[in-house]
């Protein structure tokens, strides 16, 4: 997740999802669409984004 944000900069969850999908992360990391938004929200809340 942080790798995508670092790569593309500030982005909406859809952009993060699209980038992760291009890496096939949905298969090797079991990334689900809802978990992307939850992770982004948690990272922002913790001041990491």
N, C-alpha and C. Protein backbone atom coordinates (compact mmCIF):
# COMPACT_ATOMS: atom_id res chain seq x y z
N UNK A 1 0.82 -1.17 0.00
CA UNK A 1 0.00 0.00 0.00
C UNK A 1 0.88 1.24 0.00
N UNK A 2 1.82 1.30 0.92
CA UNK A 2 2.68 2.48 0.99
C UNK A 2 3.56 2.62 -0.24
N UNK A 3 3.93 1.50 -0.83
CA UNK A 3 4.73 1.53 -2.05
C UNK A 3 3.97 2.20 -3.18
N UNK A 4 2.69 1.92 -3.28
CA UNK A 4 1.88 2.54 -4.33
C UNK A 4 1.75 4.03 -4.07
N UNK A 5 1.48 4.40 -2.84
CA UNK A 5 1.33 5.81 -2.50
C UNK A 5 2.63 6.56 -2.78
N UNK A 6 3.76 5.94 -2.45
CA UNK A 6 5.05 6.56 -2.73
C UNK A 6 5.26 6.71 -4.23
N UNK A 7 4.86 5.71 -4.99
CA UNK A 7 5.03 5.72 -6.43
C UNK A 7 4.16 6.77 -7.12
N UNK A 8 2.87 6.80 -6.79
CA UNK A 8 1.94 7.67 -7.50
C UNK A 8 1.67 8.99 -6.78
N UNK A 9 2.11 9.11 -5.54
CA UNK A 9 1.84 10.33 -4.79
C UNK A 9 0.43 10.30 -4.22
N UNK A 10 -0.11 11.47 -3.95
CA UNK A 10 -1.46 11.54 -3.40
C UNK A 10 -2.45 11.01 -4.42
N UNK A 11 -3.26 10.06 -4.01
CA UNK A 11 -4.17 9.42 -4.95
C UNK A 11 -5.40 8.90 -4.23
N UNK A 12 -6.47 8.81 -4.96
CA UNK A 12 -7.71 8.23 -4.47
C UNK A 12 -7.54 6.70 -4.37
N UNK A 13 -8.34 6.07 -3.56
CA UNK A 13 -8.27 4.63 -3.38
C UNK A 13 -8.41 3.86 -4.68
N UNK A 14 -9.19 4.40 -5.62
CA UNK A 14 -9.35 3.73 -6.91
C UNK A 14 -8.02 3.62 -7.64
N UNK A 15 -7.21 4.68 -7.59
CA UNK A 15 -5.91 4.68 -8.25
C UNK A 15 -4.99 3.66 -7.58
N UNK A 16 -5.02 3.61 -6.26
CA UNK A 16 -4.21 2.64 -5.53
C UNK A 16 -4.64 1.23 -5.91
N UNK A 17 -5.94 1.00 -5.97
CA UNK A 17 -6.45 -0.33 -6.34
C UNK A 17 -6.02 -0.72 -7.75
N UNK A 18 -6.14 0.21 -8.67
CA UNK A 18 -5.75 -0.06 -10.06
C UNK A 18 -4.26 -0.41 -10.16
N UNK A 19 -3.43 0.33 -9.43
CA UNK A 19 -1.99 0.07 -9.46
C UNK A 19 -1.67 -1.29 -8.85
N UNK A 20 -2.29 -1.61 -7.71
CA UNK A 20 -2.08 -2.91 -7.08
C UNK A 20 -2.52 -4.04 -8.00
N UNK A 21 -3.63 -3.82 -8.70
CA UNK A 21 -4.12 -4.84 -9.62
C UNK A 21 -3.13 -5.04 -10.77
N UNK A 22 -2.48 -3.97 -11.23
CA UNK A 22 -1.50 -4.11 -12.31
C UNK A 22 -0.28 -4.89 -11.84
N UNK A 23 -0.03 -4.92 -10.54
CA UNK A 23 1.06 -5.71 -9.96
C UNK A 23 0.60 -7.13 -9.63
N UNK A 24 -0.65 -7.44 -9.89
CA UNK A 24 -1.28 -8.72 -9.55
C UNK A 24 -1.28 -8.96 -8.04
N UNK A 25 -1.30 -7.89 -7.28
CA UNK A 25 -1.30 -8.00 -5.82
C UNK A 25 -2.58 -8.64 -5.30
N UNK A 26 -3.65 -8.57 -6.09
CA UNK A 26 -4.88 -9.20 -5.65
C UNK A 26 -4.73 -10.71 -5.53
N UNK A 27 -3.78 -11.29 -6.26
CA UNK A 27 -3.59 -12.74 -6.16
C UNK A 27 -2.53 -13.13 -5.14
N UNK A 28 -1.40 -12.43 -5.08
CA UNK A 28 -0.34 -12.84 -4.16
C UNK A 28 -0.44 -12.21 -2.78
N UNK A 29 -1.22 -11.15 -2.64
CA UNK A 29 -1.35 -10.52 -1.32
C UNK A 29 -2.78 -10.55 -0.80
N UNK A 30 -3.68 -11.18 -1.56
CA UNK A 30 -5.08 -11.26 -1.17
C UNK A 30 -5.67 -9.89 -0.84
N UNK A 31 -5.39 -8.92 -1.69
CA UNK A 31 -5.88 -7.55 -1.49
C UNK A 31 -7.31 -7.46 -2.01
N UNK A 32 -8.20 -7.07 -1.13
CA UNK A 32 -9.60 -6.88 -1.49
C UNK A 32 -9.90 -5.39 -1.59
N UNK A 33 -10.81 -4.98 -2.47
CA UNK A 33 -11.10 -3.54 -2.64
C UNK A 33 -11.43 -2.82 -1.34
N UNK A 34 -12.24 -3.42 -0.51
CA UNK A 34 -12.62 -2.77 0.75
C UNK A 34 -11.44 -2.59 1.69
N UNK A 35 -10.48 -3.51 1.63
CA UNK A 35 -9.34 -3.41 2.53
C UNK A 35 -8.42 -2.25 2.14
N UNK A 36 -8.42 -1.87 0.88
CA UNK A 36 -7.59 -0.75 0.43
C UNK A 36 -8.07 0.53 1.09
N UNK A 37 -9.37 0.77 1.04
CA UNK A 37 -9.93 1.99 1.63
C UNK A 37 -9.74 2.00 3.14
N UNK A 38 -9.93 0.86 3.77
CA UNK A 38 -9.73 0.76 5.21
C UNK A 38 -8.27 1.05 5.58
N UNK A 39 -7.35 0.47 4.82
CA UNK A 39 -5.93 0.69 5.09
C UNK A 39 -5.55 2.15 4.89
N UNK A 40 -6.04 2.77 3.83
CA UNK A 40 -5.74 4.18 3.59
C UNK A 40 -6.27 5.06 4.72
N UNK A 41 -7.48 4.74 5.17
CA UNK A 41 -8.08 5.51 6.27
C UNK A 41 -7.25 5.34 7.55
N UNK A 42 -6.84 4.12 7.85
CA UNK A 42 -6.04 3.86 9.05
C UNK A 42 -4.67 4.53 8.97
N UNK A 43 -4.03 4.45 7.82
CA UNK A 43 -2.72 5.09 7.63
C UNK A 43 -2.83 6.60 7.78
N UNK A 44 -3.88 7.18 7.23
CA UNK A 44 -4.08 8.63 7.34
C UNK A 44 -4.34 9.01 8.80
N UNK A 45 -5.16 8.22 9.49
CA UNK A 45 -5.48 8.49 10.89
C UNK A 45 -4.21 8.46 11.75
N UNK A 46 -3.29 7.54 11.43
CA UNK A 46 -2.05 7.41 12.18
C UNK A 46 -0.96 8.40 11.73
N UNK A 47 -1.33 9.25 10.76
CA UNK A 47 -0.39 10.27 10.29
C UNK A 47 0.69 9.74 9.38
N UNK A 48 0.48 8.59 8.80
CA UNK A 48 1.49 7.98 7.94
C UNK A 48 1.33 8.37 6.46
N UNK A 49 0.22 9.02 6.15
CA UNK A 49 0.00 9.50 4.79
C UNK A 49 -0.10 11.00 4.77
